[in-house]
Amino acid sequence: MPSTKVKEVLYRVSTQLQDIAPQFTRWHERELVTWLNDGQRAIAKFLPASCTRIDALKLKPGTKQSIELIAPADVKPGDGSPAAAVYGNFLNDVVRNMGVDGLTAGRAVRVVSREVLDSQNPDWHTIVGTGRVDQFVFDPRSPKVFYVTPAIGAAPAVWIEVSYLANPVDIPSTGTVAAPLYGADSASATVISVDDKYVDDLANYILARAYMKDADFASSQPNAVAYSSMFTSSLNAQVQALTGNNPNLTALPFAAQSQTPAAVR
């Protein structure tokens, strides 16, 4: 569970930008938070494990289940954080049953091949269980969908523990110039959505975007290039360490078409 507060990241950034007395004078909070959200998505794109979750999920009636959009009422976060809508993008595993309340650990759930179920009982999608899941079917070609057996009935509620990858949660950007949300001395307890070990990457990404905005100034372009390089080099190294493959990022992954710092205004 991330523990680094958004205000701590922005304080690092504002300090480096020499925009601290008072904070958010030249680079407003809203744009810094927007770039922070862009940075989280860029990290999650190349390092999906940065947004791994293990939660209890409430299943829908039937066999077909989805993690694409999980409503707050249907998730109990495993890290104890408040329930909120979650946008999942890849199922890792279904671990165990979690009772009718989502809190009671129960029987393990095993993965099974759909071909096996189809051959043994072609009607398995119509067989409704009595309150627990025995097996699940998953095809990585449809990473947001899985099937459970027996099928879930209208009652009782059935919860299972699931390991999956999710999109990072956007940090709200509703502060104003007069009343920022994430000032260094604010009471905000909002934390970042990616793992704490990516704090330096987030800061470098925001700094690169800030200096890109000021690319018309002679001193800003070298800074934009330097911070862009630190961000992309860090991601390249981390991806290569995990997968053995270097994605060879040379520009910030913030748009569909890569742009050089000098081209961004």
Foldseek 3Di string as FASTA:
>chain_A
DAQAAPLVLQVVLQVVVVQVVPHCPPPHPLVLLVLLLLLLQLLCVLPLVQFKFKWKFWADFFFKGFQQWGAQVGICGPVRDRGHIWGFDAFDDWFAWCFLVRNRGDGGEAEDEPVVVCVVPVCQRVAEDDAEFHYKYDDRVRGGMITTPNGHDPDDIIITITIGGTRFDRDDRDADPVGGQNHNPHPDSHGGRGHPVCSLLSSLSSLLVVLLVVLVDPVSLVSNQVSQCVNLVVSQVVSCVVPVDGPPDRGRPNDPDGDRSNVGD
